[in-house]
């Protein structure tokens, strides 16, 4: 399905690009955990262990860095190279999330780029293709749900801390 492409205006993208990356990565992984974490097979999560992934939203000038750790995606700092970087416009990522566009089509039309570990890139692509995801529903990213997920994450981290 071909939708009219939308690009975040350059001045808005420049402003967004000045925001610190880590808080955005935390919000992103909260949504990713809600949508995907429980559906991943153990062989996939084993291959994700120790791998840093980066999602670049080109027109927003955002980069979200994350990794798989302790049975969930966790945000990490934007330092150094990622094992796999996936780049596209905000519009194209929304099309992918809503299953209105195929990643192969975007890739061959040069609207989606994957750089880094080729095997990891194929694992990510094939895993997402194999998972039966509901159509992207913005309601699941309501601040109430995202904050509840973040609160659960911080509680679990605090529970793992041992007194000295």
Protein backbone atom coordinates (compact mmCIF):
# COMPACT_ATOMS: atom_id res chain seq x y z
CA UNK A 1 0.00 0.00 0.00
CA UNK A 2 1.48 3.32 -1.00
CA UNK A 3 0.66 6.19 1.35
CA UNK A 4 1.49 9.81 0.78
CA UNK A 5 4.91 10.24 2.40
CA UNK A 6 5.08 12.60 5.31
CA UNK A 7 8.32 14.08 6.58
CA UNK A 8 8.83 15.86 9.85
CA UNK A 9 9.68 19.45 8.92
CA UNK A 10 13.42 20.12 9.03
CA UNK A 11 13.25 22.78 11.80
CA UNK A 12 11.21 20.41 13.97
CA UNK A 13 13.68 17.61 13.30
CA UNK A 14 16.57 19.87 14.22
CA UNK A 15 14.83 20.77 17.49
CA UNK A 16 14.07 17.11 18.26
CA UNK A 17 17.67 16.19 17.44
CA UNK A 18 18.85 18.44 20.27
CA UNK A 19 16.90 16.53 22.90
CA UNK A 20 18.87 14.05 25.01
CA UNK A 21 18.67 10.58 23.47
CA UNK A 22 18.47 8.43 26.60
CA UNK A 23 15.00 9.47 27.85
CA UNK A 24 13.62 8.86 24.36
CA UNK A 25 15.26 5.44 24.29
CA UNK A 26 13.62 4.61 27.63
CA UNK A 27 10.19 5.53 26.27
CA UNK A 28 10.86 3.62 23.07
CA UNK A 29 11.87 0.40 24.85
CA UNK A 30 8.80 0.68 27.10
CA UNK A 31 6.64 0.58 23.99
CA UNK A 32 8.78 -2.15 22.44
CA UNK A 33 8.42 -4.27 25.57
CA UNK A 34 4.65 -3.81 25.56
CA UNK A 35 4.42 -4.82 21.91
CA UNK A 36 7.10 -7.50 21.47
CA UNK A 37 9.02 -8.73 24.50
CA UNK A 38 6.64 -11.50 25.55
CA UNK A 39 6.32 -12.81 22.00
CA UNK A 40 10.01 -13.42 21.34
CA UNK A 41 11.23 -17.02 21.23
CA UNK A 42 14.13 -18.03 23.48
CA UNK A 43 16.45 -18.74 20.52
CA UNK A 44 15.88 -15.18 19.30
CA UNK A 45 16.50 -13.62 22.71
CA UNK A 46 19.70 -15.67 23.07
CA UNK A 47 21.01 -14.20 19.82
CA UNK A 48 20.03 -10.69 20.95
CA UNK A 49 21.99 -10.96 24.22
CA UNK A 50 24.95 -8.60 24.25
CA UNK A 51 23.92 -6.90 20.99
CA UNK A 52 23.36 -3.16 20.85
CA UNK A 53 20.61 -2.11 18.46
CA UNK A 54 20.00 1.42 17.20
CA UNK A 55 16.85 2.73 15.57
CA UNK A 56 17.40 6.01 13.69
CA UNK A 57 14.40 8.15 12.81
CA UNK A 58 16.04 10.19 10.09
CA UNK A 59 13.67 13.14 9.72
CA UNK A 60 13.29 13.52 13.50
CA UNK A 61 17.07 13.24 13.97
CA UNK A 62 16.44 10.76 16.79
CA UNK A 63 18.42 7.65 17.59
CA UNK A 64 17.19 5.10 20.09
CA UNK A 65 19.79 2.66 21.44
CA UNK A 66 18.70 -0.49 23.21
CA UNK A 67 19.65 -4.07 23.98
CA UNK A 68 18.07 -7.28 25.26
CA UNK A 69 18.81 -7.90 28.94
CA UNK A 70 16.98 -9.71 31.75
CA UNK A 71 14.07 -10.82 29.52
CA UNK A 72 13.29 -7.35 28.21
CA UNK A 73 14.60 -4.56 26.05
CA UNK A 74 16.52 -1.91 27.96
CA UNK A 75 17.69 1.51 26.88
CA UNK A 76 21.38 2.23 26.65
CA UNK A 77 23.43 5.34 26.00
CA UNK A 78 24.16 6.45 22.41
CA UNK A 79 27.89 5.79 22.73
CA UNK A 80 29.92 4.09 20.05
CA UNK A 81 28.73 1.95 17.19
CA UNK A 82 25.73 -0.33 17.39
CA UNK A 83 25.79 -3.95 16.27
CA UNK A 84 22.79 -3.17 14.07
CA UNK A 85 21.41 0.20 12.98
CA UNK A 86 18.01 0.44 11.30
CA UNK A 87 17.19 3.81 9.71
CA UNK A 88 14.06 5.23 8.09
CA UNK A 89 11.75 8.22 8.27
CA UNK A 90 9.13 8.50 11.02
CA UNK A 91 6.43 7.97 8.38
CA UNK A 92 8.00 4.75 7.13
CA UNK A 93 8.40 3.39 10.68
CA UNK A 94 4.70 4.08 11.29
CA UNK A 95 3.84 2.27 8.05
CA UNK A 96 5.92 -0.71 9.19
CA UNK A 97 4.32 -0.72 12.65
CA UNK A 98 0.83 -0.63 11.14
CA UNK A 99 1.78 -3.40 8.69
CA UNK A 100 0.91 -1.11 5.78
CA UNK A 101 4.33 -1.50 4.21
CA UNK A 102 6.70 -4.41 3.91
CA UNK A 103 10.31 -3.96 5.14
CA UNK A 104 11.67 -5.55 1.95
CA UNK A 105 9.79 -3.04 -0.20
CA UNK A 106 11.09 -0.12 1.85
CA UNK A 107 14.61 -1.56 1.77
CA UNK A 108 14.67 -2.04 -2.00
CA UNK A 109 13.17 1.44 -2.50
CA UNK A 110 16.02 2.82 -0.34
CA UNK A 111 13.61 4.10 2.30
CA UNK A 112 14.86 1.68 4.98
CA UNK A 113 18.53 1.03 5.70
CA UNK A 114 20.17 -1.64 7.84
CA UNK A 115 23.84 -1.33 8.72
CA UNK A 116 26.08 -3.55 10.77
CA UNK A 117 25.73 -7.25 11.56
CA UNK A 118 23.91 -8.76 8.56
CA UNK A 119 22.97 -11.95 10.42
CA UNK A 120 21.48 -9.90 13.26
CA UNK A 121 19.59 -7.74 10.73
CA UNK A 122 18.04 -10.83 9.12
CA UNK A 123 17.17 -12.23 12.55
CA UNK A 124 15.37 -9.01 13.51
CA UNK A 125 13.54 -8.75 10.18
CA UNK A 126 12.50 -12.42 10.09
CA UNK A 127 11.42 -12.34 13.74
CA UNK A 128 9.21 -9.31 13.21
CA UNK A 129 7.77 -10.85 10.05
CA UNK A 130 6.97 -14.09 11.90
CA UNK A 131 5.26 -12.49 14.90
CA UNK A 132 1.55 -12.01 14.62
CA UNK A 133 1.26 -8.44 15.74
CA UNK A 134 -1.98 -6.57 16.02
CA UNK A 135 -2.25 -3.46 13.90
CA UNK A 136 -0.39 -0.66 15.62
CA UNK A 137 -2.72 0.84 18.19
CA UNK A 138 -1.63 4.20 19.52
CA UNK A 139 -3.81 3.69 22.63
CA UNK A 140 -1.31 1.18 24.06
CA UNK A 141 1.24 4.00 24.13
CA UNK A 142 -0.97 6.21 26.27
CA UNK A 143 1.22 7.80 28.96
CA UNK A 144 -0.64 5.85 31.66
CA UNK A 145 0.42 2.52 30.11
CA UNK A 146 3.97 3.64 29.36
CA UNK A 147 4.44 5.04 32.87
CA UNK A 148 3.08 1.82 34.41
CA UNK A 149 5.63 -0.15 32.37
CA UNK A 150 8.44 2.18 33.46
CA UNK A 151 7.31 1.97 37.10
CA UNK A 152 7.37 -1.86 36.88
CA UNK A 153 10.85 -1.75 35.36
CA UNK A 154 12.23 0.51 38.10
CA UNK A 155 10.59 -1.56 40.85
CA UNK A 156 12.18 -4.72 39.45
CA UNK A 157 15.58 -3.01 39.29
CA UNK A 158 15.25 -1.73 42.85
CA UNK A 159 14.25 -5.21 43.99
CA UNK A 160 17.50 -6.57 42.53
CA UNK A 161 19.63 -4.15 44.54
CA UNK A 162 21.13 -5.68 47.64
CA UNK A 163 21.95 -3.65 50.73
CA UNK A 164 25.63 -3.22 51.48
